[in-house]
Amino acid sequence: MGLDQYAYSIDSEGNKREIAYWRKHPNLQGWMESLWQIKGCPNNHEDSDPMGLSNFNCIPLELDDEDIDCLENAIVGKKLPETGGFFFGDDSDDYYREQDLEFVNKARLALDSGDKVYYDSWW
């Protein structure tokens, strides 16, 4: 068990293509959860469960050009928020830095071609 994270694109015909996968990258999860909250928790009707835990689990989050730019700035500036969770593992920002930037490039290419880009996670 643990935090599994995915990014994928969907083209105009509905074809889904994985463009990134992370295993236990908690600070990326924290950044994406913050974005999800800023966007008004799309795809979810409540902000938290009765125990106050986040419901940002198994919820696809659509990313646009501005989101990708902000993510790149956070990665390059080493400003992904410190995030913890029982299944999340330890800080892995340095380990995933190159892969994160590769995802940024792939996401931009997908968006430029008219595809939609999503982040999703399961823990």
Protein backbone atom coordinates (compact mmCIF):
# COMPACT_ATOMS: atom_id res chain seq x y z
CA MET A 1 0.00 0.00 0.00
CA GLY A 2 1.08 3.53 -0.56
CA LEU A 3 0.68 6.62 -2.63
CA ASP A 4 0.50 5.94 -6.38
CA GLN A 5 0.24 8.96 -8.69
CA TYR A 6 -0.48 9.18 -12.39
CA ALA A 7 -0.68 11.80 -15.10
CA TYR A 8 -2.33 11.10 -18.40
CA SER A 9 -3.69 12.81 -21.46
CA ILE A 10 -6.97 12.24 -23.29
CA ASP A 11 -7.30 13.17 -26.93
CA SER A 12 -10.41 14.38 -28.73
CA GLU A 13 -11.40 10.78 -29.54
CA GLY A 14 -11.25 9.76 -25.87
CA ASN A 15 -7.97 7.85 -26.11
CA LYS A 16 -6.10 7.87 -22.80
CA ARG A 17 -2.29 7.85 -22.66
CA GLU A 18 -0.20 7.73 -19.47
CA ILE A 19 2.46 10.44 -19.47
CA ALA A 20 3.86 10.04 -15.94
CA TYR A 21 3.80 7.76 -12.92
CA TRP A 22 5.15 8.41 -9.44
CA ARG A 23 5.32 6.17 -6.39
CA LYS A 24 5.27 8.03 -3.06
CA HIS A 25 5.99 11.61 -4.12
CA PRO A 26 4.15 13.27 -1.21
CA ASN A 27 5.06 16.89 -1.93
CA LEU A 28 3.71 16.63 -5.48
CA GLN A 29 0.52 15.22 -3.98
CA GLY A 30 0.35 18.18 -1.61
CA TRP A 31 0.82 20.63 -4.48
CA MET A 32 -1.91 18.94 -6.51
CA GLU A 33 -4.26 18.86 -3.53
CA SER A 34 -3.73 22.60 -3.00
CA LEU A 35 -4.53 23.19 -6.66
CA TRP A 36 -7.64 21.01 -6.34
CA GLN A 37 -8.79 23.11 -3.40
CA ILE A 38 -8.06 26.38 -5.25
CA LYS A 39 -10.16 25.12 -8.15
CA GLY A 40 -13.04 24.56 -5.75
CA CYS A 41 -12.60 20.81 -5.29
CA PRO A 42 -13.94 19.86 -8.73
CA ASN A 43 -15.37 16.35 -9.08
CA ASN A 44 -16.16 16.24 -5.37
CA HIS A 45 -19.07 17.64 -3.39
CA GLU A 46 -17.39 17.99 -0.02
CA ASP A 47 -14.00 19.33 1.05
CA SER A 48 -13.36 16.73 3.76
CA ASP A 49 -14.76 13.62 5.35
CA PRO A 50 -16.31 13.58 8.87
CA MET A 51 -12.85 13.04 10.41
CA GLY A 52 -11.45 16.09 8.61
CA LEU A 53 -9.31 14.08 6.21
CA SER A 54 -8.89 15.15 2.63
CA ASN A 55 -11.08 13.54 0.01
CA PHE A 56 -8.44 14.18 -2.65
CA ASN A 57 -7.98 10.51 -3.41
CA CYS A 58 -8.92 8.79 -6.67
CA ILE A 59 -10.09 12.12 -8.09
CA PRO A 60 -8.85 13.15 -11.55
CA LEU A 61 -7.70 16.76 -11.59
CA GLU A 62 -7.61 18.47 -14.96
CA LEU A 63 -4.49 20.58 -15.50
CA ASP A 64 -4.28 23.55 -17.86
CA ASP A 65 -1.34 25.57 -19.21
CA GLU A 66 -1.31 27.91 -16.22
CA ASP A 67 -1.28 24.96 -13.80
CA ILE A 68 1.67 23.42 -15.61
CA ASP A 69 3.57 26.74 -15.54
CA CYS A 70 2.94 27.07 -11.79
CA LEU A 71 4.02 23.48 -11.20
CA GLU A 72 7.23 24.02 -13.15
CA ASN A 73 7.99 27.11 -11.07
CA ALA A 74 7.40 25.15 -7.85
CA ILE A 75 9.67 22.32 -9.01
CA VAL A 76 12.50 24.56 -10.22
CA GLY A 77 12.21 26.81 -7.16
CA LYS A 78 12.10 23.79 -4.83
CA LYS A 79 8.77 25.01 -3.46
CA LEU A 80 6.60 21.91 -3.50
CA PRO A 81 4.86 21.99 -0.10
CA GLU A 82 6.06 19.61 2.57
CA THR A 83 3.31 17.00 2.74
CA GLY A 84 2.88 13.91 4.86
CA GLY A 85 0.45 11.07 5.17
CA PHE A 86 0.40 7.55 6.52
CA PHE A 87 0.87 5.98 3.06
CA PHE A 88 2.80 8.85 1.45
CA GLY A 89 6.44 8.05 2.23
CA ASP A 90 9.24 10.58 2.71
CA ASP A 91 10.18 13.71 0.78
CA SER A 92 11.26 12.58 -2.70
CA ASP A 93 11.54 15.92 -4.50
CA ASP A 94 15.22 15.50 -5.41
CA TYR A 95 14.66 11.91 -6.54
CA TYR A 96 11.80 12.89 -8.87
CA ARG A 97 13.00 16.35 -10.02
CA GLU A 98 14.04 15.25 -13.54
CA GLN A 99 10.92 13.13 -13.97
CA ASP A 100 8.75 16.02 -12.76
CA LEU A 101 10.26 18.34 -15.37
CA GLU A 102 9.85 15.66 -18.02
CA PHE A 103 6.16 15.46 -17.07
CA VAL A 104 5.88 19.26 -17.44
CA ASN A 105 7.26 19.00 -20.99
CA LYS A 106 5.00 16.08 -21.93
CA ALA A 107 1.97 17.86 -20.47
CA ARG A 108 2.73 20.99 -22.51
CA LEU A 109 3.03 18.95 -25.69
CA ALA A 110 -0.28 17.23 -24.97
CA LEU A 111 -2.04 20.51 -24.21
CA ASP A 112 -0.53 22.15 -27.32
CA SER A 113 -1.96 19.32 -29.43
CA GLY A 114 -5.44 19.90 -27.99
CA ASP A 115 -5.46 17.01 -25.51
CA LYS A 116 -6.65 17.31 -21.93
CA VAL A 117 -4.18 16.51 -19.15
CA TYR A 118 -5.09 15.00 -15.79
CA TYR A 119 -3.40 14.11 -12.52
CA ASP A 120 -4.81 11.32 -10.38
CA SER A 121 -3.69 9.47 -7.28
CA TRP A 122 -4.61 6.55 -5.10
CA TRP A 123 -3.58 5.91 -1.51
